[in-house]
Amino acid sequence: KPKCDVVFQALFAENKHNITQSLISDILGEKVEIIDIKTDSTITRKYPSDKGGRLDLRTKFKDGTICQIEMQMSDDKDIVKRILYYWSKTYSKQLKIGEKYKDLKKTIGIVITNYEVDELKGIENLDSKWQIICDKNDKRLLTEDLELRIIEIPKARRIIEKEKYNRIAQWLLFLDNPNTERVEEIMKVNEEVKKAND
């Protein structure tokens, strides 16, 4: 199944910009242009005692934005901290000695889970965007640089019943199991999912 790490990486790997662009564009709700894709990007450790990690996909957009995607199969009850940790490592890795903080580019962390996340109970949307905002009157956004998306496959199964043209739900049902009648129907209306299946 495409949701398995090895298959997920192979499916959205280098030289597959169109499929990967379509998936990310649908998740973010805006057209993106990818100029680079890396699979199995290791979260490097500066010291032997530092915690490492591996991202399934790391992409770079034409405008310099970095977007990391992680497929998480098992619920270790740490996904929120994990996505923040991976995001912070990716964001901070951009600068070399002598470079300016203003040169840091927006970094987006996307995690697709095979389970429902406890912290998101009661939120049925698949396209929730998490950022830093002020808790006072105007709810001002502190920065565009941090953006997190947590997308749950079980919710997609429910949402597709009410919103059969929800493109995020279509992608997640394909990732969950491409060999279903539902996905066959999706492929008739979603050309990019059909390309991914082919």
Protein backbone atom coordinates (compact mmCIF):
# COMPACT_ATOMS: atom_id res chain seq x y z
CA LYS A 1 0.00 0.00 0.00
CA PRO A 2 1.29 3.52 -0.79
CA LYS A 3 1.05 4.55 2.87
CA CYS A 4 3.94 2.20 3.75
CA ASP A 5 7.14 4.24 4.10
CA VAL A 6 9.17 2.53 1.38
CA VAL A 7 6.33 2.63 -1.16
CA PHE A 8 5.42 6.22 -0.21
CA GLN A 9 9.00 7.35 -0.80
CA ALA A 10 9.27 5.50 -4.11
CA LEU A 11 5.96 6.88 -5.33
CA PHE A 12 6.80 10.53 -4.59
CA ALA A 13 10.55 10.27 -5.20
CA GLU A 14 12.83 12.28 -7.46
CA ASN A 15 11.69 12.76 -11.07
CA LYS A 16 8.05 12.49 -9.98
CA HIS A 17 7.49 16.23 -9.58
CA ASN A 18 3.99 16.27 -11.14
CA ILE A 19 2.47 13.73 -8.75
CA THR A 20 4.22 15.21 -5.71
CA GLN A 21 3.27 18.77 -6.72
CA SER A 22 -0.35 17.74 -7.07
CA LEU A 23 -0.44 16.06 -3.65
CA ILE A 24 1.16 19.05 -1.90
CA SER A 25 -0.91 21.61 -3.83
CA ASP A 26 -4.12 19.82 -2.84
CA ILE A 27 -3.06 19.64 0.83
CA LEU A 28 -2.02 23.31 0.98
CA GLY A 29 -4.93 24.55 -1.14
CA GLU A 30 -2.64 26.47 -3.48
CA LYS A 31 -0.55 25.68 -6.54
CA VAL A 32 3.10 25.01 -5.77
CA GLU A 33 6.04 24.49 -8.09
CA ILE A 34 8.61 22.00 -6.85
CA ILE A 35 12.21 22.37 -7.97
CA ASP A 36 13.78 19.66 -5.79
CA ILE A 37 12.70 16.44 -4.06
CA LYS A 38 14.76 14.39 -1.64
CA THR A 39 13.73 11.09 -0.06
CA ASP A 40 14.94 9.65 3.21
CA SER A 41 16.35 12.99 4.36
CA THR A 42 18.24 12.37 7.57
CA ILE A 43 17.77 14.86 10.39
CA THR A 44 21.43 15.42 11.07
CA ARG A 45 22.94 15.40 14.53
CA LYS A 46 25.53 17.97 15.56
CA TYR A 47 26.62 15.94 18.59
CA PRO A 48 26.54 12.15 19.14
CA SER A 49 24.03 12.64 21.97
CA ASP A 50 21.56 14.56 19.74
CA LYS A 51 18.40 12.82 18.57
CA GLY A 52 18.27 12.11 14.85
CA GLY A 53 15.38 11.23 12.59
CA ARG A 54 14.42 10.55 9.00
CA LEU A 55 11.93 12.41 6.84
CA ASP A 56 10.11 10.51 4.12
CA LEU A 57 10.19 13.48 1.72
CA ARG A 58 11.77 16.91 1.66
CA THR A 59 10.83 19.26 -1.16
CA LYS A 60 11.83 22.75 -2.16
CA PHE A 61 9.48 25.11 -3.99
CA LYS A 62 10.45 27.63 -6.63
CA ASP A 63 9.96 30.49 -4.10
CA GLY A 64 12.44 28.84 -1.70
CA THR A 65 9.83 27.36 0.68
CA ILE A 66 10.84 24.01 2.14
CA CYS A 67 8.14 21.40 2.62
CA GLN A 68 8.74 18.17 4.50
CA ILE A 69 6.30 15.26 4.42
CA GLU A 70 6.20 12.38 6.86
CA MET A 71 3.98 9.28 6.69
CA GLN A 72 3.31 7.95 10.21
CA MET A 73 1.79 4.48 10.48
CA SER A 74 1.82 3.80 14.24
CA ASP A 75 0.53 5.97 17.05
CA ASP A 76 3.38 6.49 19.50
CA LYS A 77 1.45 9.36 21.18
CA ASP A 78 4.15 11.84 20.22
CA ILE A 79 3.23 13.06 16.74
CA VAL A 80 2.80 16.75 17.68
CA LYS A 81 6.23 16.89 19.32
CA ARG A 82 7.74 14.85 16.47
CA ILE A 83 6.46 17.20 13.74
CA LEU A 84 7.69 20.23 15.71
CA TYR A 85 11.09 18.61 16.21
CA TYR A 86 11.45 17.71 12.51
CA TRP A 87 10.23 21.18 11.52
CA SER A 88 12.74 22.92 13.83
CA LYS A 89 15.66 20.84 12.56
CA THR A 90 14.74 21.50 8.93
CA TYR A 91 14.23 25.23 9.54
CA SER A 92 17.48 25.74 11.46
CA LYS A 93 19.52 23.67 8.99
CA GLN A 94 19.04 26.35 6.30
CA LEU A 95 21.67 28.78 7.59
CA LYS A 96 25.43 28.49 7.38
CA ILE A 97 27.99 30.55 9.31
CA GLY A 98 27.78 34.23 8.34
CA GLU A 99 24.29 34.03 6.83
CA LYS A 100 21.49 36.27 8.11
CA TYR A 101 18.35 35.16 9.96
CA LYS A 102 16.29 37.16 7.47
CA ASP A 103 17.39 34.67 4.80
CA LEU A 104 15.47 31.83 6.46
CA LYS A 105 12.71 30.52 4.19
CA LYS A 106 9.24 29.38 5.11
CA THR A 107 9.17 25.75 6.20
CA ILE A 108 6.05 23.60 6.06
CA GLY A 109 5.71 20.34 7.97
CA ILE A 110 3.11 17.88 6.74
CA VAL A 111 2.43 14.61 8.52
CA ILE A 112 -0.07 12.04 7.28
CA THR A 113 -1.17 9.66 10.01
CA ASN A 114 -2.74 6.24 9.72
CA TYR A 115 -4.64 6.97 12.94
CA GLU A 116 -6.56 9.77 14.62
CA VAL A 117 -4.47 12.17 16.67
CA ASP A 118 -5.70 12.77 20.23
CA GLU A 119 -4.96 16.51 20.07
CA LEU A 120 -7.21 16.86 16.98
CA LYS A 121 -10.30 15.16 18.37
CA GLY A 122 -13.40 17.14 17.38
CA ILE A 123 -11.75 18.71 14.31
CA GLU A 124 -13.13 17.06 11.19
CA ASN A 125 -11.34 19.20 8.60
CA LEU A 126 -8.46 17.63 6.69
CA ASP A 127 -6.94 21.00 5.76
CA SER A 128 -6.26 22.50 9.19
CA LYS A 129 -3.27 24.84 9.21
CA TRP A 130 -1.33 25.35 12.46
CA GLN A 131 0.70 28.51 12.97
CA ILE A 132 1.77 30.88 15.76
CA ILE A 133 -0.90 33.49 16.48
CA CYS A 134 -1.40 36.00 19.28
CA ASP A 135 -3.94 34.94 21.90
CA LYS A 136 -5.23 38.52 22.25
CA ASN A 137 -7.89 40.48 20.34
CA ASP A 138 -6.71 40.51 16.75
CA LYS A 139 -5.24 36.97 16.68
CA ARG A 140 -2.27 38.37 14.75
CA LEU A 141 -0.01 35.92 12.93
CA LEU A 142 3.57 36.18 14.21
CA THR A 143 5.23 34.71 11.12
CA GLU A 144 4.44 32.88 7.89
CA ASP A 145 7.62 30.83 8.32
CA LEU A 146 6.06 28.13 10.50
CA GLU A 147 3.23 26.07 9.07
CA LEU A 148 2.18 22.60 10.18
CA ARG A 149 -0.42 20.27 8.70
CA ILE A 150 -1.54 17.04 10.36
CA ILE A 151 -3.77 14.94 8.12
CA GLU A 152 -5.49 11.78 9.35
CA ILE A 153 -6.48 8.91 7.05
CA PRO A 154 -9.43 7.71 9.22
CA LYS A 155 -11.09 11.14 8.94
CA ALA A 156 -10.73 11.03 5.15
CA ARG A 157 -12.81 7.86 5.08
CA ARG A 158 -15.66 9.72 6.81
CA ILE A 159 -15.30 12.97 4.88
CA ILE A 160 -15.41 11.31 1.44
CA GLU A 161 -18.94 10.11 2.23
CA LYS A 162 -20.14 13.75 2.40
CA GLU A 163 -17.59 15.42 0.12
CA LYS A 164 -16.75 13.02 -2.69
CA TYR A 165 -14.75 15.71 -4.54
CA ASN A 166 -12.56 16.58 -1.54
CA ARG A 167 -9.13 16.20 -3.16
CA ILE A 168 -7.24 15.66 0.11
CA ALA A 169 -9.63 12.85 1.06
CA GLN A 170 -9.20 11.37 -2.43
CA TRP A 171 -5.43 11.28 -2.02
CA LEU A 172 -5.67 9.74 1.45
CA LEU A 173 -8.02 6.98 0.31
CA PHE A 174 -5.58 6.19 -2.49
CA LEU A 175 -2.66 6.10 -0.01
CA ASP A 176 -4.71 3.91 2.34
CA ASN A 177 -5.62 1.31 -0.29
CA PRO A 178 -5.59 1.92 -4.05
CA ASN A 179 -7.37 -1.40 -4.77
CA THR A 180 -10.90 -0.38 -3.82
CA GLU A 181 -14.01 0.50 -5.81
CA ARG A 182 -13.99 3.94 -4.19
CA VAL A 183 -10.49 4.66 -5.51
CA GLU A 184 -11.51 3.41 -8.96
CA GLU A 185 -14.27 6.05 -8.88
CA ILE A 186 -11.81 8.69 -7.66
CA MET A 187 -9.45 7.96 -10.56
CA LYS A 188 -12.22 8.82 -13.02
CA VAL A 189 -12.31 12.41 -11.70
CA ASN A 190 -8.78 12.91 -10.33
CA GLU A 191 -6.17 12.53 -13.06
CA GLU A 192 -3.22 12.93 -10.67
CA VAL A 193 -4.39 10.10 -8.41
CA LYS A 194 -4.74 7.97 -11.55
CA LYS A 195 -1.16 8.84 -12.57
CA ALA A 196 0.06 7.93 -9.08
CA ASN A 197 -1.82 4.62 -9.28
CA ASP A 198 -0.38 3.86 -12.72
